[in-house]
C-alpha atoms as a PDB file:
ATOM      1  CA  MET A   1       4.824   9.790 -19.800  1.00  0.00           C
ATOM      2  CA  SER A   2       5.678  10.768 -16.344  1.00  0.00           C
ATOM      3  CA  GLU A   3       3.803   9.431 -13.413  1.00  0.00           C
ATOM      4  CA  GLU A   4       1.632  11.585 -11.410  1.00  0.00           C
ATOM      5  CA  GLU A   5       1.733  12.694  -7.896  1.00  0.00           C
ATOM      6  CA  VAL A   6      -1.171  12.864  -6.117  1.00  0.00           C
ATOM      7  CA  ILE A   7       0.336  12.787  -2.194  1.00  0.00           C
ATOM      8  CA  LYS A   8       3.458  13.898  -1.300  1.00  0.00           C
ATOM      9  CA  LEU A   9       4.766  14.014   2.406  1.00  0.00           C
ATOM     10  CA  ASP A  10       8.068  16.160   3.454  1.00  0.00           C
ATOM     11  CA  ASP A  11       9.820  15.645   6.424  1.00  0.00           C
ATOM     12  CA  VAL A  12       6.525  15.381   8.465  1.00  0.00           C
ATOM     13  CA  TRP A  13       6.814  15.195  12.065  1.00  0.00           C
ATOM     14  CA  LYS A  14       3.988  14.462  15.103  1.00  0.00           C
ATOM     15  CA  ILE A  15       5.057  15.225  18.310  1.00  0.00           C
ATOM     16  CA  PHE A  16       2.157  14.874  20.962  1.00  0.00           C
ATOM     17  CA  GLY A  17       2.507  16.482  24.515  1.00  0.00           C
ATOM     18  CA  GLU A  18       1.580  20.219  25.758  1.00  0.00           C
ATOM     19  CA  ARG A  19       5.332  20.987  25.180  1.00  0.00           C
ATOM     20  CA  SER A  20       5.390  19.902  21.567  1.00  0.00           C
ATOM     21  CA  GLU A  21       6.693  22.788  20.054  1.00  0.00           C
ATOM     22  CA  GLU A  22       9.229  23.080  22.202  1.00  0.00           C
ATOM     23  CA  ALA A  23      10.619  19.444  21.646  1.00  0.00           C
ATOM     24  CA  MET A  24      10.358  19.989  17.995  1.00  0.00           C
ATOM     25  CA  GLN A  25      12.641  23.097  18.210  1.00  0.00           C
ATOM     26  CA  ALA A  26      15.180  20.939  20.337  1.00  0.00           C
ATOM     27  CA  VAL A  27      14.854  17.882  18.127  1.00  0.00           C
ATOM     28  CA  LYS A  28      16.380  20.335  15.153  1.00  0.00           C
ATOM     29  CA  GLN A  29      18.544  21.979  17.313  1.00  0.00           C
ATOM     30  CA  GLU A  30      20.000  19.218  19.488  1.00  0.00           C
ATOM     31  CA  GLY A  31      19.245  15.945  17.660  1.00  0.00           C
ATOM     32  CA  LEU A  32      17.056  14.161  20.292  1.00  0.00           C
ATOM     33  CA  THR A  33      16.182  10.878  20.010  1.00  0.00           C
ATOM     34  CA  LYS A  34      12.648   9.546  20.897  1.00  0.00           C
ATOM     35  CA  PRO A  35      13.648   8.276  24.353  1.00  0.00           C
ATOM     36  CA  GLU A  36      15.498  12.003  24.792  1.00  0.00           C
ATOM     37  CA  VAL A  37      12.069  13.806  24.049  1.00  0.00           C
ATOM     38  CA  LEU A  38       9.988  11.864  26.277  1.00  0.00           C
ATOM     39  CA  GLU A  39      12.433  12.099  29.154  1.00  0.00           C
ATOM     40  CA  LYS A  40      13.036  15.692  28.804  1.00  0.00           C
ATOM     41  CA  PHE A  41       9.761  17.330  27.740  1.00  0.00           C
ATOM     42  CA  SER A  42       7.103  14.626  28.556  1.00  0.00           C
ATOM     43  CA  CYS A  43       6.295  14.187  24.788  1.00  0.00           C
ATOM     44  CA  VAL A  44       6.224  11.635  22.585  1.00  0.00           C
ATOM     45  CA  VAL A  45       7.324  10.955  18.871  1.00  0.00           C
ATOM     46  CA  GLY A  46       4.460  10.060  16.751  1.00  0.00           C
ATOM     47  CA  ILE A  47       6.160  10.122  13.368  1.00  0.00           C
ATOM     48  CA  ALA A  48       9.725  11.685  12.629  1.00  0.00           C
ATOM     49  CA  GLU A  49      11.054  12.679   8.994  1.00  0.00           C
ATOM     50  CA  VAL A  50       8.534  11.365   7.240  1.00  0.00           C
ATOM     51  CA  SER A  51       8.826  11.670   3.649  1.00  0.00           C
ATOM     52  CA  PHE A  52       7.250   9.733   0.495  1.00  0.00           C
ATOM     53  CA  THR A  53       5.075  10.442  -2.581  1.00  0.00           C
ATOM     54  CA  VAL A  54       2.239   8.325  -4.149  1.00  0.00           C
ATOM     55  CA  ASN A  55       1.162   8.419  -7.763  1.00  0.00           C
ATOM     56  CA  ARG A  56      -2.265   8.070  -9.365  1.00  0.00           C
ATOM     57  CA  GLY A  57      -3.898   4.757  -9.407  1.00  0.00           C
ATOM     58  CA  GLU A  58      -0.970   3.177  -6.680  1.00  0.00           C
ATOM     59  CA  ILE A  59      -1.548   0.995  -3.969  1.00  0.00           C
ATOM     60  CA  PHE A  60       1.210   2.059  -1.295  1.00  0.00           C
ATOM     61  CA  CYS A  61       1.127   0.194   1.541  1.00  0.00           C
ATOM     62  CA  VAL A  62       2.303   1.435   4.937  1.00  0.00           C
ATOM     63  CA  MET A  63       3.486  -1.775   7.475  1.00  0.00           C
ATOM     64  CA  GLY A  64       5.144  -2.234  10.556  1.00  0.00           C
ATOM     65  CA  LEU A  65       4.472  -3.430  14.198  1.00  0.00           C
ATOM     66  CA  SER A  66       1.674  -1.657  16.578  1.00  0.00           C
ATOM     67  CA  GLY A  67       3.273   1.344  17.795  1.00  0.00           C
ATOM     68  CA  SER A  68       5.303   2.154  14.556  1.00  0.00           C
ATOM     69  CA  GLY A  69       3.629   5.187  13.481  1.00  0.00           C
ATOM     70  CA  LYS A  70       1.926   3.910  10.396  1.00  0.00           C
ATOM     71  CA  SER A  71      -1.893   4.750  11.804  1.00  0.00           C
ATOM     72  CA  THR A  72      -0.727   8.269  13.262  1.00  0.00           C
ATOM     73  CA  MET A  73       0.621   8.921   9.845  1.00  0.00           C
ATOM     74  CA  VAL A  74      -2.287   7.863   7.691  1.00  0.00           C
ATOM     75  CA  ARG A  75      -4.668  10.444   9.465  1.00  0.00           C
ATOM     76  CA  HIS A  76      -1.936  13.330   8.312  1.00  0.00           C
ATOM     77  CA  LEU A  77      -3.541  13.060   4.887  1.00  0.00           C
ATOM     78  CA  ASN A  78      -6.894  14.141   5.573  1.00  0.00           C
ATOM     79  CA  ARG A  79      -5.807  16.443   8.659  1.00  0.00           C
ATOM     80  CA  LEU A  80      -7.557  14.244  10.916  1.00  0.00           C
ATOM     81  CA  ILE A  81      -3.938  14.692  13.251  1.00  0.00           C
ATOM     82  CA  GLU A  82      -2.318  17.946  12.706  1.00  0.00           C
ATOM     83  CA  PRO A  83       1.603  17.801  12.027  1.00  0.00           C
ATOM     84  CA  THR A  84       4.124  19.533  14.344  1.00  0.00           C
ATOM     85  CA  ALA A  85       6.337  19.940  11.182  1.00  0.00           C
ATOM     86  CA  GLY A  86       6.235  19.251   7.619  1.00  0.00           C
ATOM     87  CA  SER A  87       4.351  19.813   4.549  1.00  0.00           C
ATOM     88  CA  ILE A  88       1.429  17.426   3.310  1.00  0.00           C
ATOM     89  CA  SER A  89       0.051  17.858  -0.636  1.00  0.00           C
ATOM     90  CA  VAL A  90      -2.826  15.459  -1.660  1.00  0.00           C
ATOM     91  CA  LEU A  91      -4.361  16.085  -5.449  1.00  0.00           C
ATOM     92  CA  GLY A  92      -1.580  19.208  -5.730  1.00  0.00           C
ATOM     93  CA  ARG A  93      -3.697  21.351  -2.946  1.00  0.00           C
ATOM     94  CA  ASP A  94      -1.152  22.088   0.368  1.00  0.00           C
ATOM     95  CA  VAL A  95      -3.450  20.289   3.348  1.00  0.00           C
ATOM     96  CA  MET A  96      -1.971  22.598   5.662  1.00  0.00           C
ATOM     97  CA  ALA A  97      -3.754  25.534   4.190  1.00  0.00           C
ATOM     98  CA  LEU A  98      -6.951  24.266   3.664  1.00  0.00           C
ATOM     99  CA  GLY A  99      -9.442  26.547   5.643  1.00  0.00           C
ATOM    100  CA  GLY A 100     -12.338  24.331   7.415  1.00  0.00           C
ATOM    101  CA  GLU A 101     -14.908  24.629   4.738  1.00  0.00           C
ATOM    102  CA  GLU A 102     -12.219  23.536   2.056  1.00  0.00           C
ATOM    103  CA  LEU A 103     -10.677  20.835   4.494  1.00  0.00           C
ATOM    104  CA  ARG A 104     -14.762  19.272   5.186  1.00  0.00           C
ATOM    105  CA  GLU A 105     -15.033  19.414   1.230  1.00  0.00           C
ATOM    106  CA  MET A 106     -11.868  17.311   0.701  1.00  0.00           C
ATOM    107  CA  ARG A 107     -12.937  14.729   2.824  1.00  0.00           C
ATOM    108  CA  ALA A 108     -16.261  14.631   1.163  1.00  0.00           C
ATOM    109  CA  LYS A 109     -15.491  14.403  -2.043  1.00  0.00           C
ATOM    110  CA  HIS A 110     -11.946  13.816  -2.588  1.00  0.00           C
ATOM    111  CA  ILE A 111     -10.381  11.324   0.261  1.00  0.00           C
ATOM    112  CA  GLY A 112     -12.146   8.120   1.289  1.00  0.00           C
ATOM    113  CA  MET A 113     -11.326   6.362   4.423  1.00  0.00           C
ATOM    114  CA  VAL A 114     -12.185   2.887   5.414  1.00  0.00           C
ATOM    115  CA  PHE A 115     -11.064   1.681   8.885  1.00  0.00           C
ATOM    116  CA  GLN A 116     -11.001  -1.807  10.920  1.00  0.00           C
ATOM    117  CA  HIS A 117     -14.173  -0.959  12.928  1.00  0.00           C
ATOM    118  CA  MET A 118     -16.481   0.259  10.255  1.00  0.00           C
ATOM    119  CA  ALA A 119     -18.613   1.842  12.634  1.00  0.00           C
ATOM    120  CA  LEU A 120     -21.589   1.178  10.618  1.00  0.00           C
ATOM    121  CA  LEU A 121     -25.052   3.243  11.402  1.00  0.00           C
ATOM    122  CA  PRO A 122     -27.039  -0.035  13.320  1.00  0.00           C
ATOM    123  CA  HIS A 123     -30.212   1.829  12.695  1.00  0.00           C
ATOM    124  CA  ARG A 124     -29.724   2.176   8.906  1.00  0.00           C
ATOM    125  CA  THR A 125     -30.271  -0.284   6.170  1.00  0.00           C
ATOM    126  CA  VAL A 126     -26.951  -1.501   4.110  1.00  0.00           C
ATOM    127  CA  ARG A 127     -28.429   1.081   1.420  1.00  0.00           C
ATOM    128  CA  ASP A 128     -28.861   4.181   3.531  1.00  0.00           C
ATOM    129  CA  ASN A 129     -25.221   3.501   5.219  1.00  0.00           C
ATOM    130  CA  VAL A 130     -23.493   3.320   1.460  1.00  0.00           C
ATOM    131  CA  ALA A 131     -25.400   6.547   0.784  1.00  0.00           C
ATOM    132  CA  PHE A 132     -24.957   8.393   4.271  1.00  0.00           C
ATOM    133  CA  PRO A 133     -21.978  10.507   2.770  1.00  0.00           C
ATOM    134  CA  LEU A 134     -24.297  11.493  -0.234  1.00  0.00           C
ATOM    135  CA  GLN A 135     -26.839  12.515   2.275  1.00  0.00           C
ATOM    136  CA  VAL A 136     -24.218  14.562   4.235  1.00  0.00           C
ATOM    137  CA  ARG A 137     -23.698  16.476   0.960  1.00  0.00           C
ATOM    138  CA  GLY A 138     -27.060  17.322   0.054  1.00  0.00           C
ATOM    139  CA  GLU A 139     -27.458  15.004  -3.063  1.00  0.00           C
ATOM    140  CA  PRO A 140     -31.188  14.446  -3.696  1.00  0.00           C
ATOM    141  CA  LYS A 141     -32.664  10.658  -2.810  1.00  0.00           C
ATOM    142  CA  ALA A 142     -32.593   9.665  -5.967  1.00  0.00           C
ATOM    143  CA  LYS A 143     -29.205  10.330  -6.755  1.00  0.00           C
ATOM    144  CA  ARG A 144     -28.277   8.551  -3.293  1.00  0.00           C
ATOM    145  CA  TRP A 145     -30.399   5.673  -4.136  1.00  0.00           C
ATOM    146  CA  GLU A 146     -28.338   5.110  -7.523  1.00  0.00           C
ATOM    147  CA  VAL A 147     -25.075   5.552  -6.504  1.00  0.00           C
ATOM    148  CA  SER A 148     -25.352   3.405  -3.709  1.00  0.00           C
ATOM    149  CA  GLN A 149     -26.882   0.643  -5.719  1.00  0.00           C
ATOM    150  CA  HIS A 150     -23.714   0.972  -8.092  1.00  0.00           C
ATOM    151  CA  CYS A 151     -21.272   0.922  -5.435  1.00  0.00           C
ATOM    152  CA  LEU A 152     -23.142  -2.444  -3.902  1.00  0.00           C
ATOM    153  CA  ASN A 153     -22.539  -3.792  -6.947  1.00  0.00           C
ATOM    154  CA  LEU A 154     -19.154  -3.162  -7.025  1.00  0.00           C
ATOM    155  CA  VAL A 155     -18.565  -4.876  -4.070  1.00  0.00           C
ATOM    156  CA  ASN A 156     -20.978  -8.295  -4.728  1.00  0.00           C
ATOM    157  CA  LEU A 157     -23.611  -7.056  -2.488  1.00  0.00           C
ATOM    158  CA  ASP A 158     -26.879  -6.752  -4.532  1.00  0.00           C
ATOM    159  CA  GLY A 159     -29.557  -8.044  -2.962  1.00  0.00           C
ATOM    160  CA  TYR A 160     -28.480  -7.030   0.440  1.00  0.00           C
ATOM    161  CA  GLU A 161     -29.658  -3.706   0.244  1.00  0.00           C
ATOM    162  CA  ASP A 162     -32.222  -3.439   3.008  1.00  0.00           C
ATOM    163  CA  ARG A 163     -30.373  -5.397   5.306  1.00  0.00           C
ATOM    164  CA  PHE A 164     -29.438  -4.020   8.809  1.00  0.00           C
ATOM    165  CA  PRO A 165     -25.580  -4.425   9.591  1.00  0.00           C
ATOM    166  CA  ARG A 166     -26.407  -6.588  12.627  1.00  0.00           C
ATOM    167  CA  GLU A 167     -27.627  -8.750   9.765  1.00  0.00           C
ATOM    168  CA  LEU A 168     -24.292  -9.153   7.839  1.00  0.00           C
ATOM    169  CA  SER A 169     -21.054 -10.807   8.191  1.00  0.00           C
ATOM    170  CA  GLY A 170     -17.737  -9.599   9.139  1.00  0.00           C
ATOM    171  CA  GLY A 171     -16.342  -9.452   5.464  1.00  0.00           C
ATOM    172  CA  MET A 172     -20.010  -8.333   4.589  1.00  0.00           C
ATOM    173  CA  GLN A 173     -19.577  -5.342   6.908  1.00  0.00           C
ATOM    174  CA  GLN A 174     -16.230  -4.176   5.472  1.00  0.00           C
ATOM    175  CA  ARG A 175     -17.649  -4.723   1.926  1.00  0.00           C
ATOM    176  CA  VAL A 176     -20.493  -2.030   2.912  1.00  0.00           C
ATOM    177  CA  GLY A 177     -17.784   0.301   4.726  1.00  0.00           C
ATOM    178  CA  LEU A 178     -15.764   0.287   1.257  1.00  0.00           C
ATOM    179  CA  ALA A 179     -19.106   0.545  -0.845  1.00  0.00           C
ATOM    180  CA  ARG A 180     -19.559   3.795   1.445  1.00  0.00           C
ATOM    181  CA  ALA A 181     -16.384   4.968   0.869  1.00  0.00           C
ATOM    182  CA  LEU A 182     -16.727   4.509  -2.979  1.00  0.00           C
ATOM    183  CA  ALA A 183     -19.814   6.377  -2.821  1.00  0.00           C
ATOM    184  CA  SER A 184     -18.439   9.838  -3.185  1.00  0.00           C
ATOM    185  CA  ASP A 185     -16.347   8.617  -5.813  1.00  0.00           C
ATOM    186  CA  PRO A 186     -13.281   9.694  -4.044  1.00  0.00           C
ATOM    187  CA  GLU A 187      -9.572  10.337  -5.767  1.00  0.00           C
ATOM    188  CA  VAL A 188      -7.801   8.999  -2.967  1.00  0.00           C
ATOM    189  CA  LEU A 189      -8.554   5.815  -0.082  1.00  0.00           C
ATOM    190  CA  LEU A 190      -7.082   5.389   2.552  1.00  0.00           C
ATOM    191  CA  MET A 191      -7.262   2.400   4.366  1.00  0.00           C
ATOM    192  CA  ASP A 192      -6.020   1.495   7.648  1.00  0.00           C
ATOM    193  CA  GLU A 193      -6.528  -2.283   8.426  1.00  0.00           C
ATOM    194  CA  PRO A 194      -9.322  -2.708   6.625  1.00  0.00           C
ATOM    195  CA  PHE A 195      -9.251  -6.316   6.823  1.00  0.00           C
ATOM    196  CA  SER A 196      -7.249  -7.553   9.574  1.00  0.00           C
ATOM    197  CA  ALA A 197     -10.116  -8.468  11.748  1.00  0.00           C
ATOM    198  CA  LEU A 198     -11.253 -11.055   9.248  1.00  0.00           C
ATOM    199  CA  ASP A 199     -10.888 -14.871   8.919  1.00  0.00           C
ATOM    200  CA  PRO A 200      -8.059 -15.795   6.294  1.00  0.00           C
ATOM    201  CA  LEU A 201      -9.921 -16.929   3.628  1.00  0.00           C
ATOM    202  CA  ILE A 202     -12.701 -13.859   3.735  1.00  0.00           C
ATOM    203  CA  ARG A 203      -9.522 -11.722   4.101  1.00  0.00           C
ATOM    204  CA  ARG A 204      -8.112 -12.935   0.856  1.00  0.00           C
ATOM    205  CA  GLN A 205     -11.123 -12.654  -1.189  1.00  0.00           C
ATOM    206  CA  LEU A 206     -11.692  -9.183   0.138  1.00  0.00           C
ATOM    207  CA  GLN A 207      -8.144  -8.350  -0.807  1.00  0.00           C
ATOM    208  CA  GLU A 208      -8.543  -9.793  -4.358  1.00  0.00           C
ATOM    209  CA  GLN A 209     -11.854  -7.733  -4.834  1.00  0.00           C
ATOM    210  CA  PHE A 210     -10.004  -4.314  -3.387  1.00  0.00           C
ATOM    211  CA  MET A 211      -7.393  -4.929  -5.850  1.00  0.00           C
ATOM    212  CA  ALA A 212      -9.538  -5.253  -9.015  1.00  0.00           C
ATOM    213  CA  LEU A 213     -11.844  -2.593  -7.776  1.00  0.00           C
ATOM    214  CA  SER A 214      -8.577  -0.580  -7.367  1.00  0.00           C
ATOM    215  CA  ALA A 215      -7.549  -1.132 -10.863  1.00  0.00           C
ATOM    216  CA  GLU A 216     -10.783  -0.623 -12.565  1.00  0.00           C
ATOM    217  CA  LEU A 217     -11.673   2.563 -10.843  1.00  0.00           C
ATOM    218  CA  ASN A 218      -8.006   3.622 -11.038  1.00  0.00           C
ATOM    219  CA  LYS A 219      -7.970   4.707  -7.078  1.00  0.00           C
ATOM    220  CA  THR A 220      -4.823   5.868  -5.302  1.00  0.00           C
ATOM    221  CA  THR A 221      -4.339   4.143  -2.259  1.00  0.00           C
ATOM    222  CA  VAL A 222      -2.442   4.509   0.767  1.00  0.00           C
ATOM    223  CA  PHE A 223      -3.038   1.110   2.603  1.00  0.00           C
ATOM    224  CA  ILE A 224      -2.200   0.564   6.491  1.00  0.00           C
ATOM    225  CA  THR A 225      -1.612  -2.777   7.272  1.00  0.00           C
ATOM    226  CA  HIS A 226       0.926  -5.163   9.877  1.00  0.00           C
ATOM    227  CA  ASP A 227       0.893  -8.007   7.759  1.00  0.00           C
ATOM    228  CA  LEU A 228       4.024  -8.517   5.326  1.00  0.00           C
ATOM    229  CA  ASP A 229       2.293 -10.785   3.219  1.00  0.00           C
ATOM    230  CA  GLU A 230      -0.876  -8.575   2.765  1.00  0.00           C
ATOM    231  CA  ALA A 231       1.288  -5.978   2.037  1.00  0.00           C
ATOM    232  CA  ILE A 232       3.391  -7.967  -0.420  1.00  0.00           C
ATOM    233  CA  ARG A 233       0.194  -9.305  -1.692  1.00  0.00           C
ATOM    234  CA  ILE A 234      -1.799  -5.871  -2.974  1.00  0.00           C
ATOM    235  CA  GLY A 235       0.604  -3.305  -2.953  1.00  0.00           C
ATOM    236  CA  ASN A 236       2.700  -1.582  -5.526  1.00  0.00           C
ATOM    237  CA  ARG A 237       5.204   0.199  -3.427  1.00  0.00           C
ATOM    238  CA  ILE A 238       5.873  -0.891   0.723  1.00  0.00           C
ATOM    239  CA  ALA A 239       7.008   1.922   3.147  1.00  0.00           C
ATOM    240  CA  ILE A 240       8.392   0.098   6.297  1.00  0.00           C
ATOM    241  CA  MET A 241       8.182   1.973   9.467  1.00  0.00           C
ATOM    242  CA  LYS A 242       9.716   1.330  12.388  1.00  0.00           C
ATOM    243  CA  ASP A 243       9.264   3.872  16.158  1.00  0.00           C
ATOM    244  CA  GLY A 244       7.696   6.624  13.959  1.00  0.00           C
ATOM    245  CA  LEU A 245      10.780   6.433  10.856  1.00  0.00           C
ATOM    246  CA  ILE A 246      10.285   5.267   7.381  1.00  0.00           C
ATOM    247  CA  VAL A 247      13.332   2.476   7.229  1.00  0.00           C
ATOM    248  CA  GLN A 248      12.368   1.371   3.618  1.00  0.00           C
ATOM    249  CA  ILE A 249      10.694   2.242   0.544  1.00  0.00           C
ATOM    250  CA  GLY A 250      10.292  -0.290  -2.271  1.00  0.00           C
ATOM    251  CA  SER A 251       8.865  -2.717  -4.478  1.00  0.00           C
ATOM    252  CA  PRO A 252       8.059  -5.840  -2.961  1.00  0.00           C
ATOM    253  CA  GLU A 253      10.509  -7.308  -4.954  1.00  0.00           C
ATOM    254  CA  GLU A 254      13.271  -4.980  -3.541  1.00  0.00           C
ATOM    255  CA  ILE A 255      11.890  -4.976  -0.077  1.00  0.00           C
ATOM    256  CA  VAL A 256      11.911  -9.308  -0.017  1.00  0.00           C
ATOM    257  CA  THR A 257      15.407  -9.486  -1.886  1.00  0.00           C
ATOM    258  CA  ASN A 258      17.433  -6.438  -0.586  1.00  0.00           C
ATOM    259  CA  PRO A 259      16.139  -5.292   3.108  1.00  0.00           C
ATOM    260  CA  ALA A 260      17.801  -2.466   4.419  1.00  0.00           C
ATOM    261  CA  ASP A 261      18.633  -3.635   7.482  1.00  0.00           C
ATOM    262  CA  GLU A 262      18.251  -6.006  10.350  1.00  0.00           C
ATOM    263  CA  TYR A 263      14.555  -4.714  11.174  1.00  0.00           C
ATOM    264  CA  VAL A 264      13.572  -5.216   7.487  1.00  0.00           C
ATOM    265  CA  LYS A 265      15.404  -8.636   7.087  1.00  0.00           C
ATOM    266  CA  ASP A 266      13.788 -10.207  10.084  1.00  0.00           C
ATOM    267  CA  PHE A 267      10.290  -8.984   8.601  1.00  0.00           C
ATOM    268  CA  VAL A 268      11.026 -10.602   5.244  1.00  0.00           C
ATOM    269  CA  GLU A 269      12.618 -13.716   6.750  1.00  0.00           C
ATOM    270  CA  GLY A 270      10.008 -16.303   5.970  1.00  0.00           C
ATOM    271  CA  ILE A 271       8.453 -14.738   3.066  1.00  0.00           C
ATOM    272  CA  SER A 272       8.941 -17.080  -0.299  1.00  0.00           C
ATOM    273  CA  LYS A 273      10.289 -15.452  -3.185  1.00  0.00           C
ATOM    274  CA  LEU A 274       8.883 -17.694  -6.034  1.00  0.00           C
ATOM    275  CA  ASN A 275       6.027 -15.141  -6.878  1.00  0.00           C
ATOM    276  CA  LEU A 276       8.151 -11.533  -5.796  1.00  0.00           C
ATOM    277  CA  VAL A 277      11.869 -12.441  -8.222  1.00  0.00           C
ATOM    278  CA  TYR A 278      11.973 -11.768 -11.590  1.00  0.00           C
ATOM    279  CA  ALA A 279      14.033 -12.752 -14.474  1.00  0.00           C
ATOM    280  CA  HIS A 280      15.671  -9.536 -14.966  1.00  0.00           C
ATOM    281  CA  SER A 281      16.955  -9.424 -11.359  1.00  0.00           C
ATOM    282  CA  ILE A 282      19.107 -12.507 -11.433  1.00  0.00           C
ATOM    283  CA  MET A 283      19.916 -13.165 -14.835  1.00  0.00           C
ATOM    284  CA  GLU A 284      23.765 -12.437 -15.835  1.00  0.00           C
ATOM    285  CA  ASP A 285      24.251 -10.022 -19.022  1.00  0.00           C
ATOM    286  CA  LEU A 286      24.390 -11.745 -22.291  1.00  0.00           C
ATOM    287  CA  ALA A 287      27.419 -10.065 -23.021  1.00  0.00           C
ATOM    288  CA  ALA A 288      29.283 -10.962 -20.265  1.00  0.00           C
ATOM    289  CA  TYR A 289      28.080 -15.062 -19.880  1.00  0.00           C
ATOM    290  CA  ALA A 290      29.087 -15.207 -23.409  1.00  0.00           C
ATOM    291  CA  ALA A 291      32.603 -13.523 -22.926  1.00  0.00           C
ATOM    292  CA  SER A 292      33.257 -16.684 -20.457  1.00  0.00           C
ATOM    293  CA  ASN A 293      31.001 -19.661 -21.786  1.00  0.00           C
ATOM    294  CA  ASP A 294      31.210 -21.588 -25.221  1.00  0.00           C
ATOM    295  CA  ASP A 295      27.318 -22.169 -24.690  1.00  0.00           C
ATOM    296  CA  ASP A 296      25.243 -23.000 -28.020  1.00  0.00           C
ATOM    297  CA  LEU A 297      22.359 -20.583 -26.744  1.00  0.00           C
ATOM    298  CA  THR A 298      20.316 -20.956 -29.872  1.00  0.00           C
ATOM    299  CA  GLN A 299      18.759 -24.503 -28.292  1.00  0.00           C
ATOM    300  CA  SER A 300      17.837 -22.253 -25.311  1.00  0.00           C
ATOM    301  CA  PRO A 301      14.199 -21.526 -24.310  1.00  0.00           C
ATOM    302  CA  ARG A 302      13.031 -17.940 -24.192  1.00  0.00           C
ATOM    303  CA  VAL A 303      11.547 -15.848 -21.527  1.00  0.00           C
ATOM    304  CA  ALA A 304      10.443 -12.579 -20.921  1.00  0.00           C
ATOM    305  CA  HIS A 305      12.236 -10.390 -18.194  1.00  0.00           C
ATOM    306  CA  ASP A 306       9.312 -10.312 -15.874  1.00  0.00           C
ATOM    307  CA  LYS A 307       8.635 -14.010 -15.409  1.00  0.00           C
ATOM    308  CA  ASP A 308       9.180 -14.878 -11.680  1.00  0.00           C
ATOM    309  CA  LEU A 309      11.068 -17.445 -10.194  1.00  0.00           C
ATOM    310  CA  ASN A 310       7.868 -20.314 -10.280  1.00  0.00           C
ATOM    311  CA  HIS A 311       7.948 -19.731 -14.042  1.00  0.00           C
ATOM    312  CA  LEU A 312      11.223 -20.162 -14.340  1.00  0.00           C
ATOM    313  CA  ILE A 313      11.579 -23.241 -12.407  1.00  0.00           C
ATOM    314  CA  ASP A 314       8.799 -24.914 -14.535  1.00  0.00           C
ATOM    315  CA  VAL A 315      10.875 -23.799 -17.883  1.00  0.00           C
ATOM    316  CA  SER A 316      14.082 -25.061 -16.484  1.00  0.00           C
ATOM    317  CA  THR A 317      12.894 -28.708 -15.385  1.00  0.00           C
ATOM    318  CA  THR A 318      11.977 -29.119 -19.291  1.00  0.00           C
ATOM    319  CA  THR A 319      15.776 -28.290 -20.484  1.00  0.00           C
ATOM    320  CA  GLU A 320      19.128 -29.074 -19.820  1.00  0.00           C
ATOM    321  CA  TYR A 321      19.985 -25.511 -21.620  1.00  0.00           C
ATOM    322  CA  PRO A 322      20.276 -22.394 -19.681  1.00  0.00           C
ATOM    323  CA  ILE A 323      17.581 -20.132 -20.025  1.00  0.00           C
ATOM    324  CA  VAL A 324      17.762 -16.877 -22.098  1.00  0.00           C
ATOM    325  CA  VAL A 325      15.726 -13.677 -20.965  1.00  0.00           C
ATOM    326  CA  GLN A 326      14.326 -11.292 -23.561  1.00  0.00           C
ATOM    327  CA  SER A 327      13.559  -7.559 -23.254  1.00  0.00           C
ATOM    328  CA  ASP A 328       9.781  -6.187 -23.980  1.00  0.00           C
ATOM    329  CA  GLU A 329      10.740  -5.636 -27.780  1.00  0.00           C
ATOM    330  CA  GLY A 330      11.764  -9.919 -28.039  1.00  0.00           C
ATOM    331  CA  LYS A 331      15.854  -9.150 -27.995  1.00  0.00           C
ATOM    332  CA  ASP A 332      18.041 -11.570 -26.080  1.00  0.00           C
ATOM    333  CA  ILE A 333      19.663  -9.366 -22.989  1.00  0.00           C
ATOM    334  CA  GLY A 334      20.542 -11.876 -20.567  1.00  0.00           C
ATOM    335  CA  VAL A 335      20.922 -15.839 -19.225  1.00  0.00           C
ATOM    336  CA  ILE A 336      19.920 -17.610 -16.286  1.00  0.00           C
ATOM    337  CA  SER A 337      21.885 -20.835 -15.882  1.00  0.00           C
ATOM    338  CA  LYS A 338      20.652 -23.364 -13.526  1.00  0.00           C
ATOM    339  CA  SER A 339      23.046 -22.652 -10.549  1.00  0.00           C
ATOM    340  CA  ARG A 340      22.344 -19.132 -11.140  1.00  0.00           C
ATOM    341  CA  LEU A 341      18.499 -19.823 -10.720  1.00  0.00           C
ATOM    342  CA  LEU A 342      19.300 -22.208  -7.777  1.00  0.00           C
ATOM    343  CA  LYS A 343      21.045 -18.880  -6.307  1.00  0.00           C
ATOM    344  CA  GLY A 344      18.070 -17.028  -6.811  1.00  0.00           C
ATOM    345  CA  ILE A 345      15.832 -19.304  -5.223  1.00  0.00           C
ATOM    346  CA  GLN A 346      18.137 -19.358  -1.982  1.00  0.00           C
ATOM    347  CA  GLY A 347      17.748 -15.277  -2.023  1.00  0.00           C
ATOM    348  CA  GLY A 348      21.396 -15.179  -3.021  1.00  0.00           C
ATOM    349  CA  GLU A 349      23.226 -12.771  -5.815  1.00  0.00           C
END
């Protein structure tokens, strides 16, 4: 079964400034760089040539340093920012073709957004804050209360319904914000550094809770972060941005083991590979190994192809034999010798 595309961006550009259209035309015709656009037109290139798709149920992380364009990009998905060029599709609809009422409906019912600073309404209780999107939609009070309670239960805040935001910790306020985003039951969540202002322990707890909720509710998420550890921890795929451009898209394993350039390499240099590199990535083909070795592999331990380096190290310490890697069907497909395992730990081929 093919995966369903929920979000698609194709060659999206945003140039800020009074002469943005003129600058865009010059970029296309003359291939101007970002500094040249600034010098010639006094315009700033926010994002350039951004293209990617996000499948249903996927957590797609976008990361980069401050000023890389990641927050600018995510605001295009619900048209808080209008692109200078390119096309954007969400849930099969051309976002740029939506009229005012259609766009408001899309934001209210189909796309939820969670920011770093939640801007909870200080004079409203937790229950009222979570129910606010439903109130805007004109839902009756009984339904608002029912949905609000359900969403607060999802984020483990039952019992805090009648508290005010000022009475909650930062982590609890972020959970209220997440509950508010979930209240309208959107298919798509846009999360712009929602946990970055929190203490490490609280941040990790919320990451775990968010991953569990995402899997349970099958939400499609674009998650913005400047923290590679966070992106690797929660993302099914990661896009890395620099100066408005996407320089690499891949799984956490692909990003860490095969950085596209020096910029990405610098990002991943200090990341442990033990939980990110899998047996199928470092194994030698079974036939190739047998052709050059006389080892009796009948005594070798068997592991699944998707076991990570941590697991392989544990297995290796219990045997003198190479490890045999098996497919999902239980067929022997590869071999990992001790020297190959060590190279995998080091990051070598």
